[in-house]
C-alpha cells in the first residue's frame, strides 16, 4: 500500500502562520469597529456643538424677549404714575420693530413655520 505524504508544500501549513492570520483578521475587524465608533463619536461631538449653539441662540432670544417685556412694563408703570419724563424716554418705534421682528422669527413670540 502506498502512502502519500501529507507533508508536501501544497498540504502543509505552518500552524503559527494560521494563528497569525486569524489574529490579523481579528485585529482588522477590531480596527473597522473602532473606526465606526470613532465616526459615531465625531458625529455626536458635532451634533452636541450644533445643539449648544442652538441653546445659546435660544437663550439670547429669550433674554431679548424678557428685556422687551421688562422695558414695556416700565413704560406702562410710568404712564400709570403719570411720569411723562420716563414715558417719553421710551422708544415706541424701536419697541414695535423689536416685537415685529420677534413675531416673524420662529424662536420669538410667533410660531412661523
PDB file of N, CA and C in Angstrom:
ATOM      1  N   UNK A   1       0.848  -1.162   0.000  1.00  0.00           N
ATOM      2  CA  UNK A   1       0.000   0.000   0.000  1.00  0.00           C
ATOM      3  C   UNK A   1       0.898   1.231   0.000  1.00  0.00           C
ATOM      4  N   UNK A   2       0.578   2.117  -0.904  1.00  0.00           N
ATOM      5  CA  UNK A   2       1.443   3.286  -0.980  1.00  0.00           C
ATOM      6  C   UNK A   2       0.924   4.373  -0.059  1.00  0.00           C
ATOM      7  N   UNK A   3       1.824   5.107   0.460  1.00  0.00           N
ATOM      8  CA  UNK A   3       1.476   6.138   1.436  1.00  0.00           C
ATOM      9  C   UNK A   3       1.845   7.496   0.840  1.00  0.00           C
ATOM     10  N   UNK A   4       0.849   8.397   0.706  1.00  0.00           N
ATOM     11  CA  UNK A   4       1.142   9.741   0.206  1.00  0.00           C
ATOM     12  C   UNK A   4       1.464  10.631   1.386  1.00  0.00           C
ATOM     13  N   UNK A   5       2.483  11.362   1.208  1.00  0.00           N
ATOM     14  CA  UNK A   5       2.902  12.235   2.305  1.00  0.00           C
ATOM     15  C   UNK A   5       2.010  13.474   2.357  1.00  0.00           C
ATOM     16  N   UNK A   6       1.542  13.771   3.546  1.00  0.00           N
ATOM     17  CA  UNK A   6       0.746  14.992   3.750  1.00  0.00           C
ATOM     18  C   UNK A   6       1.647  16.149   4.143  1.00  0.00           C
ATOM     19  N   UNK A   7       2.937  15.922   3.998  1.00  0.00           N
ATOM     20  CA  UNK A   7       3.880  16.969   4.370  1.00  0.00           C
ATOM     21  C   UNK A   7       4.431  17.696   3.159  1.00  0.00           C
ATOM     22  N   UNK A   8       3.799  17.492   1.987  1.00  0.00           N
ATOM     23  CA  UNK A   8       4.260  18.206   0.799  1.00  0.00           C
ATOM     24  C   UNK A   8       3.891  19.678   0.952  1.00  0.00           C
ATOM     25  N   UNK A   9       4.592  20.573   0.255  1.00  0.00           N
ATOM     26  CA  UNK A   9       4.344  22.014   0.401  1.00  0.00           C
ATOM     27  C   UNK A   9       2.897  22.410   0.125  1.00  0.00           C
ATOM     28  N   UNK A  10       2.172  21.680  -0.718  1.00  0.00           N
ATOM     29  CA  UNK A  10       0.790  22.038  -1.027  1.00  0.00           C
ATOM     30  C   UNK A  10      -0.147  21.792   0.149  1.00  0.00           C
ATOM     31  N   UNK A  11       0.116  20.793   0.925  1.00  0.00           N
ATOM     32  CA  UNK A  11      -0.794  20.423   2.011  1.00  0.00           C
ATOM     33  C   UNK A  11      -0.331  20.875   3.384  1.00  0.00           C
ATOM     34  N   UNK A  12       0.948  21.172   3.491  1.00  0.00           N
ATOM     35  CA  UNK A  12       1.488  21.502   4.809  1.00  0.00           C
ATOM     36  C   UNK A  12       1.305  22.988   5.080  1.00  0.00           C
ATOM     37  N   UNK A  13       0.686  23.327   6.210  1.00  0.00           N
ATOM     38  CA  UNK A  13       0.544  24.736   6.603  1.00  0.00           C
ATOM     39  C   UNK A  13       1.201  24.927   7.947  1.00  0.00           C
ATOM     40  N   UNK A  14       1.864  26.022   8.071  1.00  0.00           N
ATOM     41  CA  UNK A  14       2.508  26.357   9.339  1.00  0.00           C
ATOM     42  C   UNK A  14       1.418  26.752  10.319  1.00  0.00           C
ATOM     43  N   UNK A  15       1.268  26.003  11.421  1.00  0.00           N
ATOM     44  CA  UNK A  15       0.220  26.345  12.383  1.00  0.00           C
ATOM     45  C   UNK A  15       0.389  27.759  12.929  1.00  0.00           C
ATOM     46  N   UNK A  16       1.606  28.205  13.095  1.00  0.00           N
ATOM     47  CA  UNK A  16       1.847  29.571  13.580  1.00  0.00           C
ATOM     48  C   UNK A  16       1.334  30.602  12.597  1.00  0.00           C
ATOM     49  N   UNK A  17       1.495  30.345  11.308  1.00  0.00           N
ATOM     50  CA  UNK A  17       1.006  31.262  10.280  1.00  0.00           C
ATOM     51  C   UNK A  17      -0.503  31.363  10.297  1.00  0.00           C
ATOM     52  N   UNK A  18      -1.153  30.247  10.564  1.00  0.00           N
ATOM     53  CA  UNK A  18      -2.615  30.231  10.639  1.00  0.00           C
ATOM     54  C   UNK A  18      -3.092  31.066  11.829  1.00  0.00           C
ATOM     55  N   UNK A  19      -2.411  30.921  12.935  1.00  0.00           N
ATOM     56  CA  UNK A  19      -2.762  31.695  14.135  1.00  0.00           C
ATOM     57  C   UNK A  19      -2.549  33.182  13.881  1.00  0.00           C
ATOM     58  N   UNK A  20      -1.429  33.502  13.231  1.00  0.00           N
ATOM     59  CA  UNK A  20      -1.148  34.911  12.927  1.00  0.00           C
ATOM     60  C   UNK A  20      -2.212  35.469  11.981  1.00  0.00           C
ATOM     61  N   UNK A  21      -2.588  34.700  10.965  1.00  0.00           N
ATOM     62  CA  UNK A  21      -3.620  35.149  10.022  1.00  0.00           C
ATOM     63  C   UNK A  21      -4.942  35.385  10.736  1.00  0.00           C
ATOM     64  N   UNK A  22      -5.294  34.491  11.658  1.00  0.00           N
ATOM     65  CA  UNK A  22      -6.538  34.665  12.421  1.00  0.00           C
ATOM     66  C   UNK A  22      -6.454  35.907  13.307  1.00  0.00           C
ATOM     67  N   UNK A  23      -5.291  36.110  13.926  1.00  0.00           N
ATOM     68  CA  UNK A  23      -5.107  37.285  14.788  1.00  0.00           C
ATOM     69  C   UNK A  23      -5.185  38.566  13.966  1.00  0.00           C
ATOM     70  N   UNK A  24      -4.572  38.561  12.774  1.00  0.00           N
ATOM     71  CA  UNK A  24      -4.627  39.742  11.908  1.00  0.00           C
ATOM     72  C   UNK A  24      -6.057  40.026  11.452  1.00  0.00           C
ATOM     73  N   UNK A  25      -6.806  38.978  11.150  1.00  0.00           N
ATOM     74  CA  UNK A  25      -8.205  39.155  10.748  1.00  0.00           C
ATOM     75  C   UNK A  25      -9.022  39.735  11.905  1.00  0.00           C
ATOM     76  N   UNK A  26      -8.783  39.223  13.104  1.00  0.00           N
ATOM     77  CA  UNK A  26      -9.492  39.740  14.282  1.00  0.00           C
ATOM     78  C   UNK A  26      -9.100  41.191  14.539  1.00  0.00           C
ATOM     79  N   UNK A  27      -7.817  41.505  14.353  1.00  0.00           N
ATOM     80  CA  UNK A  27      -7.336  42.874  14.553  1.00  0.00           C
ATOM     81  C   UNK A  27      -7.973  43.818  13.533  1.00  0.00           C
ATOM     82  N   UNK A  28      -8.077  43.380  12.286  1.00  0.00           N
ATOM     83  CA  UNK A  28      -8.697  44.213  11.254  1.00  0.00           C
ATOM     84  C   UNK A  28     -10.178  44.449  11.561  1.00  0.00           C
ATOM     85  N   UNK A  29     -10.856  43.421  12.031  1.00  0.00           N
ATOM     86  CA  UNK A  29     -12.262  43.568  12.429  1.00  0.00           C
ATOM     87  C   UNK A  29     -12.380  44.584  13.563  1.00  0.00           C
ATOM     88  N   UNK A  30     -11.472  44.498  14.518  1.00  0.00           N
ATOM     89  CA  UNK A  30     -11.474  45.440  15.648  1.00  0.00           C
ATOM     90  C   UNK A  30     -11.177  46.860  15.167  1.00  0.00           C
ATOM     91  N   UNK A  31     -10.241  46.999  14.213  1.00  0.00           N
ATOM     92  CA  UNK A  31      -9.925  48.326  13.652  1.00  0.00           C
ATOM     93  C   UNK A  31     -11.151  48.922  12.962  1.00  0.00           C
ATOM     94  N   UNK A  32     -11.862  48.094  12.182  1.00  0.00           N
ATOM     95  CA  UNK A  32     -13.068  48.568  11.495  1.00  0.00           C
ATOM     96  C   UNK A  32     -14.122  49.003  12.508  1.00  0.00           C
ATOM     97  N   UNK A  33     -14.272  48.237  13.559  1.00  0.00           N
ATOM     98  CA  UNK A  33     -15.227  48.573  14.613  1.00  0.00           C
ATOM     99  C   UNK A  33     -14.822  49.881  15.294  1.00  0.00           C
ATOM    100  N   UNK A  34     -13.522  50.021  15.546  1.00  0.00           N
ATOM    101  CA  UNK A  34     -13.012  51.239  16.179  1.00  0.00           C
ATOM    102  C   UNK A  34     -13.239  52.449  15.275  1.00  0.00           C
ATOM    103  N   UNK A  35     -12.993  52.284  13.973  1.00  0.00           N
ATOM    104  CA  UNK A  35     -13.237  53.384  13.025  1.00  0.00           C
ATOM    105  C   UNK A  35     -14.711  53.781  13.035  1.00  0.00           C
ATOM    106  N   UNK A  36     -15.587  52.795  13.044  1.00  0.00           N
ATOM    107  CA  UNK A  36     -17.028  53.080  13.067  1.00  0.00           C
ATOM    108  C   UNK A  36     -17.412  53.811  14.352  1.00  0.00           C
ATOM    109  N   UNK A  37     -16.857  53.367  15.482  1.00  0.00           N
ATOM    110  CA  UNK A  37     -17.157  54.040  16.759  1.00  0.00           C
ATOM    111  C   UNK A  37     -16.577  55.449  16.775  1.00  0.00           C
ATOM    112  N   UNK A  38     -15.379  55.634  16.174  1.00  0.00           N
ATOM    113  CA  UNK A  38     -14.761  56.961  16.100  1.00  0.00           C
ATOM    114  C   UNK A  38     -15.636  57.905  15.272  1.00  0.00           C
ATOM    115  N   UNK A  39     -16.137  57.419  14.136  1.00  0.00           N
ATOM    116  CA  UNK A  39     -17.020  58.241  13.299  1.00  0.00           C
ATOM    117  C   UNK A  39     -18.308  58.583  14.040  1.00  0.00           C
ATOM    118  N   UNK A  40     -18.850  57.622  14.762  1.00  0.00           N
ATOM    119  CA  UNK A  40     -20.071  57.868  15.542  1.00  0.00           C
ATOM    120  C   UNK A  40     -19.802  58.910  16.625  1.00  0.00           C
ATOM    121  N   UNK A  41     -18.636  58.814  17.270  1.00  0.00           N
ATOM    122  CA  UNK A  41     -18.269  59.787  18.303  1.00  0.00           C
ATOM    123  C   UNK A  41     -18.124  61.181  17.699  1.00  0.00           C
ATOM    124  N   UNK A  42     -17.449  61.268  16.550  1.00  0.00           N
ATOM    125  CA  UNK A  42     -17.283  62.565  15.890  1.00  0.00           C
ATOM    126  C   UNK A  42     -18.635  63.152  15.498  1.00  0.00           C
ATOM    127  N   UNK A  43     -19.555  62.312  15.054  1.00  0.00           N
ATOM    128  CA  UNK A  43     -20.900  62.785  14.701  1.00  0.00           C
ATOM    129  C   UNK A  43     -21.616  63.320  15.941  1.00  0.00           C
ATOM    130  N   UNK A  44     -21.477  62.615  17.067  1.00  0.00           N
ATOM    131  CA  UNK A  44     -22.109  63.066  18.319  1.00  0.00           C
ATOM    132  C   UNK A  44     -21.491  64.378  18.796  1.00  0.00           C
ATOM    133  N   UNK A  45     -20.164  64.515  18.667  1.00  0.00           N
ATOM    134  CA  UNK A  45     -19.489  65.754  19.066  1.00  0.00           C
ATOM    135  C   UNK A  45     -19.998  66.912  18.210  1.00  0.00           C
ATOM    136  N   UNK A  46     -20.137  66.667  16.918  1.00  0.00           N
ATOM    137  CA  UNK A  46     -20.642  67.691  16.003  1.00  0.00           C
ATOM    138  C   UNK A  46     -22.090  68.057  16.343  1.00  0.00           C
ATOM    139  N   UNK A  47     -22.903  67.044  16.603  1.00  0.00           N
ATOM    140  CA  UNK A  47     -24.305  67.272  16.968  1.00  0.00           C
ATOM    141  C   UNK A  47     -24.392  68.074  18.267  1.00  0.00           C
ATOM    142  N   UNK A  48     -23.530  67.754  19.227  1.00  0.00           N
ATOM    143  CA  UNK A  48     -23.511  68.468  20.506  1.00  0.00           C
ATOM    144  C   UNK A  48     -23.172  69.939  20.286  1.00  0.00           C
ATOM    145  N   UNK A  49     -22.182  70.202  19.413  1.00  0.00           N
ATOM    146  CA  UNK A  49     -21.795  71.585  19.129  1.00  0.00           C
ATOM    147  C   UNK A  49     -22.964  72.360  18.525  1.00  0.00           C
ATOM    148  N   UNK A  50     -23.686  71.720  17.607  1.00  0.00           N
ATOM    149  CA  UNK A  50     -24.853  72.363  16.985  1.00  0.00           C
ATOM    150  C   UNK A  50     -25.917  72.649  18.043  1.00  0.00           C
ATOM    151  N   UNK A  51     -26.169  71.666  18.910  1.00  0.00           N
ATOM    152  CA  UNK A  51     -27.193  71.842  19.947  1.00  0.00           C
ATOM    153  C   UNK A  51     -26.797  72.920  20.954  1.00  0.00           C
ATOM    154  N   UNK A  52     -25.510  72.974  21.325  1.00  0.00           N
ATOM    155  CA  UNK A  52     -25.057  74.017  22.250  1.00  0.00           C
ATOM    156  C   UNK A  52     -25.200  75.399  21.620  1.00  0.00           C
ATOM    157  N   UNK A  53     -24.878  75.498  20.320  1.00  0.00           N
ATOM    158  CA  UNK A  53     -25.026  76.777  19.626  1.00  0.00           C
ATOM    159  C   UNK A  53     -26.500  77.183  19.590  1.00  0.00           C
ATOM    160  N   UNK A  54     -27.362  76.208  19.256  1.00  0.00           N
ATOM    161  CA  UNK A  54     -28.808  76.473  19.206  1.00  0.00           C
ATOM    162  C   UNK A  54     -29.317  76.894  20.585  1.00  0.00           C
ATOM    163  N   UNK A  55     -28.836  76.221  21.639  1.00  0.00           N
ATOM    164  CA  UNK A  55     -29.249  76.562  23.005  1.00  0.00           C
ATOM    165  C   UNK A  55     -28.835  77.993  23.334  1.00  0.00           C
ATOM    166  N   UNK A  56     -27.614  78.366  22.946  1.00  0.00           N
ATOM    167  CA  UNK A  56     -27.143  79.729  23.186  1.00  0.00           C
ATOM    168  C   UNK A  56     -27.987  80.759  22.464  1.00  0.00           C
ATOM    169  N   UNK A  57     -28.343  80.446  21.213  1.00  0.00           N
ATOM    170  CA  UNK A  57     -29.181  81.366  20.442  1.00  0.00           C
ATOM    171  C   UNK A  57     -30.565  81.488  21.068  1.00  0.00           C
ATOM    172  N   UNK A  58     -31.112  80.352  21.523  1.00  0.00           N
ATOM    173  CA  UNK A  58     -32.430  80.381  22.163  1.00  0.00           C
ATOM    174  C   UNK A  58     -32.380  81.183  23.460  1.00  0.00           C
ATOM    175  N   UNK A  59     -31.299  81.022  24.223  1.00  0.00           N
ATOM    176  CA  UNK A  59     -31.153  81.770  25.477  1.00  0.00           C
ATOM    177  C   UNK A  59     -31.053  83.267  25.191  1.00  0.00           C
ATOM    178  N   UNK A  60     -30.321  83.629  24.135  1.00  0.00           N
ATOM    179  CA  UNK A  60     -30.188  85.043  23.772  1.00  0.00           C
ATOM    180  C   UNK A  60     -31.537  85.616  23.344  1.00  0.00           C
ATOM    181  N   UNK A  61     -32.305  84.838  22.562  1.00  0.00           N
ATOM    182  CA  UNK A  61     -33.636  85.302  22.141  1.00  0.00           C
ATOM    183  C   UNK A  61     -34.563  85.443  23.337  1.00  0.00           C
ATOM    184  N   UNK A  62     -34.475  84.489  24.263  1.00  0.00           N
ATOM    185  CA  UNK A  62     -35.316  84.553  25.465  1.00  0.00           C
ATOM    186  C   UNK A  62     -34.949  85.777  26.297  1.00  0.00           C
ATOM    187  N   UNK A  63     -33.653  86.055  26.423  1.00  0.00           N
ATOM    188  CA  UNK A  63     -33.213  87.239  27.173  1.00  0.00           C
ATOM    189  C   UNK A  63     -33.728  88.510  26.500  1.00  0.00           C
ATOM    190  N   UNK A  64     -33.694  88.540  25.163  1.00  0.00           N
ATOM    191  CA  UNK A  64     -34.198  89.707  24.430  1.00  0.00           C
ATOM    192  C   UNK A  64     -35.695  89.877  24.667  1.00  0.00           C
ATOM    193  N   UNK A  65     -36.435  88.758  24.662  1.00  0.00           N
ATOM    194  CA  UNK A  65     -37.882  88.837  24.929  1.00  0.00           C
ATOM    195  C   UNK A  65     -38.135  89.354  26.339  1.00  0.00           C
ATOM    196  N   UNK A  66     -37.378  88.844  27.304  1.00  0.00           N
ATOM    197  CA  UNK A  66     -37.555  89.278  28.692  1.00  0.00           C
ATOM    198  C   UNK A  66     -37.264  90.771  28.831  1.00  0.00           C
ATOM    199  N   UNK A  67     -36.246  91.259  28.104  1.00  0.00           N
ATOM    200  CA  UNK A  67     -35.910  92.685  28.156  1.00  0.00           C
ATOM    201  C   UNK A  67     -37.038  93.517  27.555  1.00  0.00           C
ATOM    202  N   UNK A  68     -37.607  93.063  26.436  1.00  0.00           N
ATOM    203  CA  UNK A  68     -38.724  93.778  25.806  1.00  0.00           C
ATOM    204  C   UNK A  68     -39.883  93.881  26.792  1.00  0.00           C
ATOM    205  N   UNK A  69     -40.210  92.768  27.432  1.00  0.00           N
ATOM    206  CA  UNK A  69     -41.317  92.754  28.400  1.00  0.00           C
ATOM    207  C   UNK A  69     -41.007  93.676  29.575  1.00  0.00           C
ATOM    208  N   UNK A  70     -39.793  93.591  30.109  1.00  0.00           N
ATOM    209  CA  UNK A  70     -39.413  94.431  31.257  1.00  0.00           C
ATOM    210  C   UNK A  70     -39.458  95.910  30.885  1.00  0.00           C
ATOM    211  N   UNK A  71     -38.909  96.254  29.712  1.00  0.00           N
ATOM    212  CA  UNK A  71     -38.930  97.651  29.264  1.00  0.00           C
ATOM    213  C   UNK A  71     -40.363  98.140  29.068  1.00  0.00           C
ATOM    214  N   UNK A  72     -41.205  97.299  28.480  1.00  0.00           N
ATOM    215  CA  UNK A  72     -42.592  97.685  28.252  1.00  0.00           C
ATOM    216  C   UNK A  72     -43.322  97.888  29.579  1.00  0.00           C
ATOM    217  N   UNK A  73     -43.039  97.028  30.555  1.00  0.00           N
ATOM    218  CA  UNK A  73     -43.672  97.174  31.872  1.00  0.00           C
ATOM    219  C   UNK A  73     -43.255  98.491  32.526  1.00  0.00           C
ATOM    220  N   UNK A  74     -41.983  98.884  32.357  1.00  0.00           N
ATOM    221  CA  UNK A  74     -41.535 100.179  32.890  1.00  0.00           C
ATOM    222  C   UNK A  74     -42.309 101.320  32.224  1.00  0.00           C
ATOM    223  N   UNK A  75     -42.535 101.203  30.923  1.00  0.00           N
ATOM    224  CA  UNK A  75     -43.296 102.204  30.181  1.00  0.00           C
ATOM    225  C   UNK A  75     -44.729 102.291  30.708  1.00  0.00           C
ATOM    226  N   UNK A  76     -45.383 101.129  30.883  1.00  0.00           N
ATOM    227  CA  UNK A  76     -46.760 101.093  31.393  1.00  0.00           C
ATOM    228  C   UNK A  76     -46.824 101.694  32.799  1.00  0.00           C
ATOM    229  N   UNK A  77     -45.877 101.312  33.653  1.00  0.00           N
ATOM    230  CA  UNK A  77     -45.850 101.858  35.025  1.00  0.00           C
ATOM    231  C   UNK A  77     -45.660 103.367  35.010  1.00  0.00           C
ATOM    232  N   UNK A  78     -44.799 103.854  34.114  1.00  0.00           N
ATOM    233  CA  UNK A  78     -44.564 105.302  34.028  1.00  0.00           C
ATOM    234  C   UNK A  78     -45.844 106.026  33.621  1.00  0.00           C
ATOM    235  N   UNK A  79     -46.577 105.448  32.681  1.00  0.00           N
ATOM    236  CA  UNK A  79     -47.842 106.059  32.252  1.00  0.00           C
ATOM    237  C   UNK A  79     -48.849 106.034  33.403  1.00  0.00           C
ATOM    238  N   UNK A  80     -48.944 104.878  34.093  1.00  0.00           N
ATOM    239  CA  UNK A  80     -49.882 104.764  35.220  1.00  0.00           C
ATOM    240  C   UNK A  80     -49.562 105.774  36.315  1.00  0.00           C
ATOM    241  N   UNK A  81     -48.277 106.061  36.518  1.00  0.00           N
ATOM    242  CA  UNK A  81     -47.858 107.006  37.566  1.00  0.00           C
ATOM    243  C   UNK A  81     -47.819 108.440  37.033  1.00  0.00           C
ATOM    244  N   UNK A  82     -48.217 108.587  35.769  1.00  0.00           N
ATOM    245  CA  UNK A  82     -48.197 109.899  35.133  1.00  0.00           C
ATOM    246  C   UNK A  82     -46.788 110.485  35.111  1.00  0.00           C
ATOM    247  N   UNK A  83     -45.777 109.595  34.981  1.00  0.00           N
ATOM    248  CA  UNK A  83     -44.366 110.001  34.929  1.00  0.00           C
ATOM    249  C   UNK A  83     -43.986 110.169  33.459  1.00  0.00           C
ATOM    250  N   UNK A  84     -44.315 111.336  32.913  1.00  0.00           N
ATOM    251  CA  UNK A  84     -44.110 111.577  31.484  1.00  0.00           C
ATOM    252  C   UNK A  84     -42.633 111.653  31.119  1.00  0.00           C
ATOM    253  N   UNK A  85     -41.790 112.052  32.047  1.00  0.00           N
ATOM    254  CA  UNK A  85     -40.346 112.114  31.755  1.00  0.00           C
ATOM    255  C   UNK A  85     -39.825 110.714  31.404  1.00  0.00           C
ATOM    256  N   UNK A  86     -40.192 109.720  32.221  1.00  0.00           N
ATOM    257  CA  UNK A  86     -39.776 108.335  31.955  1.00  0.00           C
ATOM    258  C   UNK A  86     -40.490 107.794  30.721  1.00  0.00           C
ATOM    259  N   UNK A  87     -41.784 108.066  30.609  1.00  0.00           N
ATOM    260  CA  UNK A  87     -42.560 107.565  29.469  1.00  0.00           C
ATOM    261  C   UNK A  87     -42.023 108.120  28.152  1.00  0.00           C
ATOM    262  N   UNK A  88     -41.596 109.373  28.143  1.00  0.00           N
ATOM    263  CA  UNK A  88     -41.086 109.993  26.916  1.00  0.00           C
ATOM    264  C   UNK A  88     -39.715 109.450  26.516  1.00  0.00           C
ATOM    265  N   UNK A  89     -38.987 108.849  27.447  1.00  0.00           N
ATOM    266  CA  UNK A  89     -37.680 108.247  27.135  1.00  0.00           C
ATOM    267  C   UNK A  89     -37.856 106.924  26.389  1.00  0.00           C
ATOM    268  N   UNK A  90     -39.052 106.389  26.471  1.00  0.00           N
ATOM    269  CA  UNK A  90     -39.337 105.092  25.876  1.00  0.00           C
ATOM    270  C   UNK A  90     -39.441 105.236  24.359  1.00  0.00           C
ATOM    271  N   UNK A  91     -38.730 104.408  23.618  1.00  0.00           N
ATOM    272  CA  UNK A  91     -38.725 104.460  22.154  1.00  0.00           C
ATOM    273  C   UNK A  91     -39.765 103.473  21.619  1.00  0.00           C
ATOM    274  N   UNK A  92     -40.980 104.007  21.370  1.00  0.00           N
ATOM    275  CA  UNK A  92     -42.086 103.145  20.927  1.00  0.00           C
ATOM    276  C   UNK A  92     -41.803 102.500  19.574  1.00  0.00           C
ATOM    277  N   UNK A  93     -41.187 103.256  18.668  1.00  0.00           N
ATOM    278  CA  UNK A  93     -40.903 102.719  17.332  1.00  0.00           C
ATOM    279  C   UNK A  93     -39.923 101.544  17.434  1.00  0.00           C
ATOM    280  N   UNK A  94     -38.894 101.688  18.242  1.00  0.00           N
ATOM    281  CA  UNK A  94     -37.923 100.601  18.429  1.00  0.00           C
ATOM    282  C   UNK A  94     -38.608  99.383  19.045  1.00  0.00           C
ATOM    283  N   UNK A  95     -39.514  99.641  20.007  1.00  0.00           N
ATOM    284  CA  UNK A  95     -40.248  98.544  20.654  1.00  0.00           C
ATOM    285  C   UNK A  95     -41.101  97.806  19.621  1.00  0.00           C
ATOM    286  N   UNK A  96     -41.830  98.551  18.793  1.00  0.00           N
ATOM    287  CA  UNK A  96     -42.664  97.924  17.759  1.00  0.00           C
ATOM    288  C   UNK A  96     -41.806  97.098  16.803  1.00  0.00           C
ATOM    289  N   UNK A  97     -40.688  97.668  16.368  1.00  0.00           N
ATOM    290  CA  UNK A  97     -39.798  96.943  15.451  1.00  0.00           C
ATOM    291  C   UNK A  97     -39.278  95.656  16.089  1.00  0.00           C
ATOM    292  N   UNK A  98     -38.927  95.725  17.356  1.00  0.00           N
ATOM    293  CA  UNK A  98     -38.441  94.540  18.068  1.00  0.00           C
ATOM    294  C   UNK A  98     -39.531  93.476  18.147  1.00  0.00           C
ATOM    295  N   UNK A  99     -40.745  93.908  18.483  1.00  0.00           N
ATOM    296  CA  UNK A  99     -41.870  92.961  18.585  1.00  0.00           C
ATOM    297  C   UNK A  99     -42.169  92.336  17.223  1.00  0.00           C
ATOM    298  N   UNK A 100     -42.196  93.151  16.158  1.00  0.00           N
ATOM    299  CA  UNK A 100     -42.456  92.604  14.820  1.00  0.00           C
ATOM    300  C   UNK A 100     -41.371  91.609  14.416  1.00  0.00           C
ATOM    301  N   UNK A 101     -40.123  91.940  14.724  1.00  0.00           N
ATOM    302  CA  UNK A 101     -39.014  91.033  14.413  1.00  0.00           C
ATOM    303  C   UNK A 101     -39.194  89.708  15.143  1.00  0.00           C
ATOM    304  N   UNK A 102     -39.552  89.777  16.411  1.00  0.00           N
ATOM    305  CA  UNK A 102     -39.743  88.555  17.201  1.00  0.00           C
ATOM    306  C   UNK A 102     -40.934  87.745  16.702  1.00  0.00           C
ATOM    307  N   UNK A 103     -41.994  88.440  16.280  1.00  0.00           N
ATOM    308  CA  UNK A 103     -43.178  87.728  15.788  1.00  0.00           C
ATOM    309  C   UNK A 103     -42.877  86.997  14.482  1.00  0.00           C
ATOM    310  N   UNK A 104     -41.980  87.547  13.679  1.00  0.00           N
ATOM    311  CA  UNK A 104     -41.633  86.942  12.392  1.00  0.00           C
ATOM    312  C   UNK A 104     -40.515  85.918  12.509  1.00  0.00           C
ATOM    313  N   UNK A 105     -39.972  85.754  13.694  1.00  0.00           N
ATOM    314  CA  UNK A 105     -38.867  84.828  13.933  1.00  0.00           C
ATOM    315  C   UNK A 105     -39.411  83.568  14.588  1.00  0.00           C
ATOM    316  N   UNK A 106     -39.022  82.394  14.093  1.00  0.00           N
ATOM    317  CA  UNK A 106     -39.526  81.118  14.634  1.00  0.00           C
ATOM    318  C   UNK A 106     -39.229  80.970  16.121  1.00  0.00           C
ATOM    319  N   UNK A 107     -38.148  81.574  16.600  1.00  0.00           N
ATOM    320  CA  UNK A 107     -37.797  81.440  18.014  1.00  0.00           C
ATOM    321  C   UNK A 107     -38.350  82.560  18.869  1.00  0.00           C
ATOM    322  N   UNK A 108     -39.137  83.452  18.263  1.00  0.00           N
ATOM    323  CA  UNK A 108     -39.658  84.585  19.014  1.00  0.00           C
ATOM    324  C   UNK A 108     -41.057  84.342  19.531  1.00  0.00           C
ATOM    325  N   UNK A 109     -41.854  85.406  19.560  1.00  0.00           N
ATOM    326  CA  UNK A 109     -43.215  85.301  20.079  1.00  0.00           C
ATOM    327  C   UNK A 109     -44.095  84.476  19.151  1.00  0.00           C
ATOM    328  N   UNK A 110     -43.904  84.663  17.831  1.00  0.00           N
ATOM    329  CA  UNK A 110     -44.750  83.980  16.857  1.00  0.00           C
ATOM    330  C   UNK A 110     -44.339  82.538  16.662  1.00  0.00           C
ATOM    331  N   UNK A 111     -45.134  81.837  15.860  1.00  0.00           N
ATOM    332  CA  UNK A 111     -44.841  80.422  15.587  1.00  0.00           C
ATOM    333  C   UNK A 111     -44.752  80.226  14.084  1.00  0.00           C
ATOM    334  N   UNK A 112     -43.968  81.065  13.425  1.00  0.00           N
ATOM    335  CA  UNK A 112     -43.802  80.975  11.981  1.00  0.00           C
ATOM    336  C   UNK A 112     -43.143  79.643  11.631  1.00  0.00           C
ATOM    337  N   UNK A 113     -43.661  79.001  10.595  1.00  0.00           N
ATOM    338  CA  UNK A 113     -43.102  77.702  10.186  1.00  0.00           C
ATOM    339  C   UNK A 113     -42.478  77.801   8.820  1.00  0.00           C
TER     340      UNK A 113
END
